[in-house]
N, C-alpha and C. Protein backbone atom coordinates (compact mmCIF):
# COMPACT_ATOMS: atom_id res chain seq x y z
N UNK A 1 90.80 79.31 154.63
CA UNK A 1 91.19 80.41 155.47
C UNK A 1 90.19 81.54 155.42
N UNK A 2 88.93 81.29 155.27
CA UNK A 2 87.99 82.40 155.21
C UNK A 2 87.69 83.00 156.58
N UNK A 3 87.22 84.22 156.53
CA UNK A 3 86.83 84.97 157.73
C UNK A 3 85.54 85.70 157.39
N UNK A 4 84.55 85.60 158.26
CA UNK A 4 83.29 86.32 158.07
C UNK A 4 83.04 87.16 159.31
N UNK A 5 82.90 88.45 159.11
CA UNK A 5 82.58 89.39 160.17
C UNK A 5 81.15 89.88 159.95
N UNK A 6 80.33 89.76 160.97
CA UNK A 6 78.95 90.24 160.91
C UNK A 6 78.77 91.30 161.97
N UNK A 7 78.58 92.53 161.53
CA UNK A 7 78.40 93.66 162.45
C UNK A 7 76.96 94.14 162.31
N UNK A 8 76.29 94.27 163.43
CA UNK A 8 74.88 94.70 163.42
C UNK A 8 74.68 95.80 164.46
N UNK A 9 73.64 96.59 164.28
CA UNK A 9 73.38 97.70 165.20
C UNK A 9 72.32 97.35 166.25
N UNK A 10 72.09 96.07 166.47
CA UNK A 10 71.11 95.62 167.45
C UNK A 10 71.77 94.63 168.40
N UNK A 11 71.16 94.39 169.55
CA UNK A 11 71.73 93.39 170.46
C UNK A 11 71.68 92.00 169.84
N UNK A 12 72.61 91.15 170.23
CA UNK A 12 72.67 89.76 169.77
C UNK A 12 72.76 88.87 171.02
N UNK A 13 71.78 88.01 171.19
CA UNK A 13 71.80 87.09 172.33
C UNK A 13 72.80 85.96 172.05
N UNK A 14 73.24 85.26 173.08
CA UNK A 14 74.13 84.11 172.85
C UNK A 14 73.51 83.07 171.90
N UNK A 15 72.22 82.83 172.01
CA UNK A 15 71.55 81.87 171.12
C UNK A 15 71.57 82.36 169.67
N UNK A 16 71.32 83.65 169.45
CA UNK A 16 71.36 84.21 168.10
C UNK A 16 72.78 84.16 167.54
N UNK A 17 73.76 84.45 168.38
CA UNK A 17 75.15 84.39 167.94
C UNK A 17 75.51 82.97 167.50
N UNK A 18 75.12 82.00 168.29
CA UNK A 18 75.39 80.60 167.95
C UNK A 18 74.71 80.23 166.63
N UNK A 19 73.48 80.71 166.43
CA UNK A 19 72.75 80.46 165.18
C UNK A 19 73.49 81.05 163.99
N UNK A 20 73.97 82.28 164.13
CA UNK A 20 74.70 82.95 163.04
C UNK A 20 76.00 82.22 162.74
N UNK A 21 76.76 81.88 163.78
CA UNK A 21 78.04 81.19 163.57
C UNK A 21 77.82 79.86 162.86
N UNK A 22 76.84 79.10 163.30
CA UNK A 22 76.56 77.81 162.68
C UNK A 22 76.13 77.96 161.22
N UNK A 23 75.23 78.91 160.97
CA UNK A 23 74.72 79.11 159.61
C UNK A 23 75.80 79.64 158.67
N UNK A 24 76.68 80.52 159.17
CA UNK A 24 77.78 81.01 158.33
C UNK A 24 78.76 79.88 158.04
N UNK A 25 78.91 78.95 158.98
CA UNK A 25 79.76 77.79 158.75
C UNK A 25 79.26 76.94 157.60
N UNK A 26 77.96 76.84 157.47
CA UNK A 26 77.38 76.11 156.35
C UNK A 26 77.46 76.95 155.07
N UNK A 27 77.23 78.24 155.19
CA UNK A 27 77.20 79.13 154.03
C UNK A 27 78.55 79.20 153.33
N UNK A 28 79.64 79.15 154.08
CA UNK A 28 80.97 79.30 153.46
C UNK A 28 81.26 78.19 152.47
N UNK A 29 80.58 77.06 152.60
CA UNK A 29 80.81 75.95 151.66
C UNK A 29 80.29 76.26 150.26
N UNK A 30 79.57 77.37 150.11
CA UNK A 30 79.14 77.80 148.79
C UNK A 30 80.32 78.30 147.94
N UNK A 31 81.42 78.59 148.60
CA UNK A 31 82.64 79.00 147.88
C UNK A 31 83.49 77.75 147.68
N UNK A 32 83.91 77.48 146.46
CA UNK A 32 84.70 76.28 146.17
C UNK A 32 85.95 76.17 147.04
N UNK A 33 86.14 75.01 147.64
CA UNK A 33 87.32 74.75 148.44
C UNK A 33 87.29 75.33 149.84
N UNK A 34 86.23 76.02 150.21
CA UNK A 34 86.16 76.62 151.54
C UNK A 34 85.26 75.76 152.42
N UNK A 35 85.69 75.60 153.68
CA UNK A 35 84.89 74.80 154.59
C UNK A 35 84.95 75.37 156.00
N UNK A 36 84.02 74.96 156.80
CA UNK A 36 83.88 75.48 158.16
C UNK A 36 85.12 75.19 159.02
N UNK A 37 85.82 74.11 158.71
CA UNK A 37 87.00 73.73 159.50
C UNK A 37 88.02 74.86 159.61
N UNK A 38 88.11 75.71 158.59
CA UNK A 38 89.10 76.78 158.56
C UNK A 38 88.47 78.17 158.72
N UNK A 39 87.18 78.21 158.94
CA UNK A 39 86.47 79.49 159.01
C UNK A 39 86.59 80.13 160.39
N UNK A 40 86.91 81.42 160.39
CA UNK A 40 86.84 82.23 161.61
C UNK A 40 85.66 83.18 161.44
N UNK A 41 84.84 83.28 162.48
CA UNK A 41 83.63 84.11 162.43
C UNK A 41 83.66 85.12 163.56
N UNK A 42 83.28 86.34 163.24
CA UNK A 42 83.10 87.39 164.24
C UNK A 42 81.65 87.84 164.18
N UNK A 43 81.02 87.96 165.34
CA UNK A 43 79.66 88.50 165.42
C UNK A 43 79.71 89.64 166.43
N UNK A 44 79.44 90.85 165.96
CA UNK A 44 79.48 92.04 166.82
C UNK A 44 78.12 92.71 166.83
N UNK A 45 77.50 92.76 167.99
CA UNK A 45 76.21 93.42 168.14
C UNK A 45 76.37 94.83 168.70
N UNK A 46 75.29 95.58 168.63
CA UNK A 46 75.24 96.94 169.15
C UNK A 46 76.30 97.86 168.55
N UNK A 47 76.63 97.66 167.28
CA UNK A 47 77.59 98.52 166.58
C UNK A 47 76.90 99.82 166.17
N UNK A 48 77.67 100.84 166.00
CA UNK A 48 77.15 102.13 165.58
C UNK A 48 77.12 102.18 164.05
N UNK A 49 76.08 101.62 163.47
CA UNK A 49 75.91 101.60 162.02
C UNK A 49 74.80 102.57 161.63
N UNK A 50 75.01 103.29 160.53
CA UNK A 50 74.02 104.21 160.00
C UNK A 50 73.84 103.91 158.52
N UNK A 51 72.61 103.92 158.06
CA UNK A 51 72.32 103.71 156.65
C UNK A 51 71.32 104.79 156.25
N UNK A 52 71.64 105.49 155.18
CA UNK A 52 70.84 106.64 154.74
C UNK A 52 70.75 107.70 155.84
N UNK A 53 71.83 107.78 156.63
CA UNK A 53 71.91 108.78 157.69
C UNK A 53 71.13 108.45 158.94
N UNK A 54 70.57 107.24 159.00
CA UNK A 54 69.74 106.86 160.15
C UNK A 54 70.20 105.53 160.73
N UNK A 55 69.83 105.32 161.97
CA UNK A 55 70.11 104.05 162.63
C UNK A 55 68.85 103.48 163.27
N UNK A 56 67.69 103.96 162.81
CA UNK A 56 66.40 103.55 163.38
C UNK A 56 66.09 102.08 163.12
N UNK A 57 66.42 101.61 161.93
CA UNK A 57 66.15 100.22 161.56
C UNK A 57 67.33 99.33 161.91
N UNK A 58 67.08 98.04 162.03
CA UNK A 58 68.17 97.09 162.23
C UNK A 58 68.99 97.02 160.95
N UNK A 59 70.33 97.04 161.11
CA UNK A 59 71.26 97.05 159.97
C UNK A 59 72.33 95.99 160.17
N UNK A 60 72.89 95.51 159.06
CA UNK A 60 74.00 94.56 159.12
C UNK A 60 75.01 94.88 158.04
N UNK A 61 76.28 94.74 158.40
CA UNK A 61 77.38 94.83 157.46
C UNK A 61 78.21 93.57 157.61
N UNK A 62 78.27 92.78 156.55
CA UNK A 62 78.95 91.49 156.58
C UNK A 62 80.18 91.59 155.67
N UNK A 63 81.33 91.22 156.21
CA UNK A 63 82.56 91.18 155.43
C UNK A 63 83.02 89.73 155.32
N UNK A 64 83.34 89.33 154.10
CA UNK A 64 83.84 87.98 153.85
C UNK A 64 85.23 88.12 153.21
N UNK A 65 86.25 87.58 153.90
CA UNK A 65 87.61 87.60 153.38
C UNK A 65 88.04 86.17 153.13
N UNK A 66 88.77 85.96 152.04
CA UNK A 66 89.18 84.60 151.69
C UNK A 66 90.44 84.64 150.83
N UNK A 67 91.16 83.53 150.86
CA UNK A 67 92.38 83.38 150.09
C UNK A 67 92.03 82.96 148.67
N UNK A 68 92.60 83.64 147.68
CA UNK A 68 92.36 83.30 146.29
C UNK A 68 91.20 84.07 145.68
N UNK A 69 90.71 83.56 144.56
CA UNK A 69 89.60 84.22 143.88
C UNK A 69 88.43 83.25 143.73
N UNK A 70 87.25 83.83 143.63
CA UNK A 70 86.00 83.06 143.54
C UNK A 70 85.14 83.69 142.46
N UNK A 71 84.38 82.87 141.74
CA UNK A 71 83.52 83.39 140.67
C UNK A 71 82.38 84.24 141.23
N UNK A 72 81.91 85.13 140.40
CA UNK A 72 80.78 85.98 140.76
C UNK A 72 79.52 85.20 141.08
N UNK A 73 79.31 84.09 140.39
CA UNK A 73 78.13 83.25 140.66
C UNK A 73 78.15 82.72 142.08
N UNK A 74 79.31 82.26 142.53
CA UNK A 74 79.42 81.73 143.89
C UNK A 74 79.22 82.85 144.93
N UNK A 75 79.77 84.02 144.63
CA UNK A 75 79.59 85.15 145.55
C UNK A 75 78.13 85.58 145.61
N UNK A 76 77.43 85.51 144.50
CA UNK A 76 76.00 85.84 144.46
C UNK A 76 75.22 84.92 145.39
N UNK A 77 75.55 83.63 145.34
CA UNK A 77 74.88 82.65 146.21
C UNK A 77 75.19 82.92 147.67
N UNK A 78 76.46 83.25 147.97
CA UNK A 78 76.82 83.52 149.35
C UNK A 78 76.16 84.80 149.86
N UNK A 79 76.05 85.81 149.01
CA UNK A 79 75.36 87.03 149.41
C UNK A 79 73.92 86.73 149.82
N UNK A 80 73.24 85.94 149.00
CA UNK A 80 71.85 85.59 149.31
C UNK A 80 71.76 84.82 150.63
N UNK A 81 72.67 83.89 150.83
CA UNK A 81 72.64 83.06 152.04
C UNK A 81 73.02 83.86 153.29
N UNK A 82 74.06 84.66 153.22
CA UNK A 82 74.48 85.47 154.37
C UNK A 82 73.39 86.46 154.76
N UNK A 83 72.74 87.03 153.76
CA UNK A 83 71.63 87.95 154.02
C UNK A 83 70.48 87.22 154.70
N UNK A 84 70.18 86.02 154.23
CA UNK A 84 69.12 85.22 154.84
C UNK A 84 69.45 84.89 156.29
N UNK A 85 70.71 84.59 156.56
CA UNK A 85 71.14 84.23 157.91
C UNK A 85 70.83 85.34 158.91
N UNK A 86 71.24 86.57 158.61
CA UNK A 86 71.00 87.66 159.56
C UNK A 86 69.53 88.06 159.59
N UNK A 87 68.84 87.89 158.48
CA UNK A 87 67.41 88.17 158.45
C UNK A 87 66.66 87.19 159.35
N UNK A 88 66.99 85.90 159.22
CA UNK A 88 66.32 84.88 160.05
C UNK A 88 66.69 85.00 161.52
N UNK A 89 67.96 85.22 161.81
CA UNK A 89 68.42 85.24 163.19
C UNK A 89 68.02 86.50 163.95
N UNK A 90 68.04 87.63 163.25
CA UNK A 90 67.88 88.91 163.94
C UNK A 90 66.72 89.76 163.43
N UNK A 91 66.02 89.30 162.42
CA UNK A 91 64.90 90.08 161.88
C UNK A 91 65.32 91.31 161.11
N UNK A 92 66.50 91.27 160.53
CA UNK A 92 67.00 92.41 159.75
C UNK A 92 66.45 92.30 158.33
N UNK A 93 65.85 93.36 157.84
CA UNK A 93 65.31 93.38 156.49
C UNK A 93 66.45 93.24 155.48
N UNK A 94 66.21 92.49 154.44
CA UNK A 94 67.25 92.20 153.45
C UNK A 94 67.81 93.46 152.79
N UNK A 95 66.99 94.49 152.66
CA UNK A 95 67.50 95.72 152.03
C UNK A 95 68.28 96.59 153.01
N UNK A 96 68.51 96.09 154.22
CA UNK A 96 69.34 96.78 155.20
C UNK A 96 70.62 96.00 155.49
N UNK A 97 71.03 95.16 154.54
CA UNK A 97 72.22 94.32 154.70
C UNK A 97 73.19 94.60 153.56
N UNK A 98 74.42 94.93 153.91
CA UNK A 98 75.50 95.03 152.94
C UNK A 98 76.42 93.83 153.12
N UNK A 99 76.95 93.31 152.02
CA UNK A 99 77.93 92.23 152.06
C UNK A 99 79.13 92.67 151.22
N UNK A 100 80.30 92.64 151.83
CA UNK A 100 81.54 93.04 151.15
C UNK A 100 82.46 91.83 151.05
N UNK A 101 83.16 91.71 149.93
CA UNK A 101 84.09 90.61 149.71
C UNK A 101 85.50 91.15 149.54
N UNK A 102 86.46 90.43 150.12
CA UNK A 102 87.87 90.78 149.96
C UNK A 102 88.65 89.53 149.61
N UNK A 103 89.22 89.51 148.40
CA UNK A 103 90.09 88.42 147.98
C UNK A 103 91.50 88.74 148.47
N UNK A 104 92.16 87.76 149.07
CA UNK A 104 93.51 87.95 149.59
C UNK A 104 94.51 87.10 148.82
N UNK A 105 95.64 87.70 148.53
CA UNK A 105 96.72 86.98 147.85
C UNK A 105 97.52 86.16 148.85
N UNK A 106 97.72 86.72 150.03
CA UNK A 106 98.47 86.04 151.09
C UNK A 106 97.59 85.92 152.32
N UNK A 107 97.80 84.82 153.04
CA UNK A 107 97.06 84.60 154.28
C UNK A 107 98.01 83.92 155.25
N UNK A 108 98.19 84.50 156.42
CA UNK A 108 99.09 83.94 157.40
C UNK A 108 98.35 83.12 158.46
N UNK A 109 98.99 82.05 158.86
CA UNK A 109 98.46 81.20 159.93
C UNK A 109 99.61 80.38 160.52
N UNK A 110 99.58 80.20 161.79
CA UNK A 110 100.53 79.34 162.46
C UNK A 110 101.97 79.79 162.21
N UNK A 111 102.16 81.10 162.13
CA UNK A 111 103.50 81.66 162.00
C UNK A 111 104.07 81.73 160.60
N UNK A 112 103.27 81.34 159.58
CA UNK A 112 103.77 81.45 158.20
C UNK A 112 102.60 81.74 157.26
N UNK A 113 102.92 81.96 155.99
CA UNK A 113 101.90 82.29 154.99
C UNK A 113 101.61 81.13 154.08
N UNK A 114 100.40 81.10 153.59
CA UNK A 114 100.01 80.11 152.58
C UNK A 114 100.40 80.62 151.22
């Protein structure tokens, strides 16, 4: 039941969006028990993001939400991979990417909770 939101302050073409969605689908498998079959992905371009008070450079904020808990080692690997994905797809410098994780106790789908 993972969800990955990628918000960037630059335009995203349909081809770049498809590249990000596909790559995040592969990246989520770095978390034990998580697979693309259950992954929901959001890609939002042209967001109003500021870092260090500026928006001159390309920026990305990636949020990963998932059911349960995951080790820090796995999250470290996913951070590296998610950062690489937006860097490769959109030319965003790695030091302009934030990745946030949210562990969820409950997750609803199909009218009920897991």
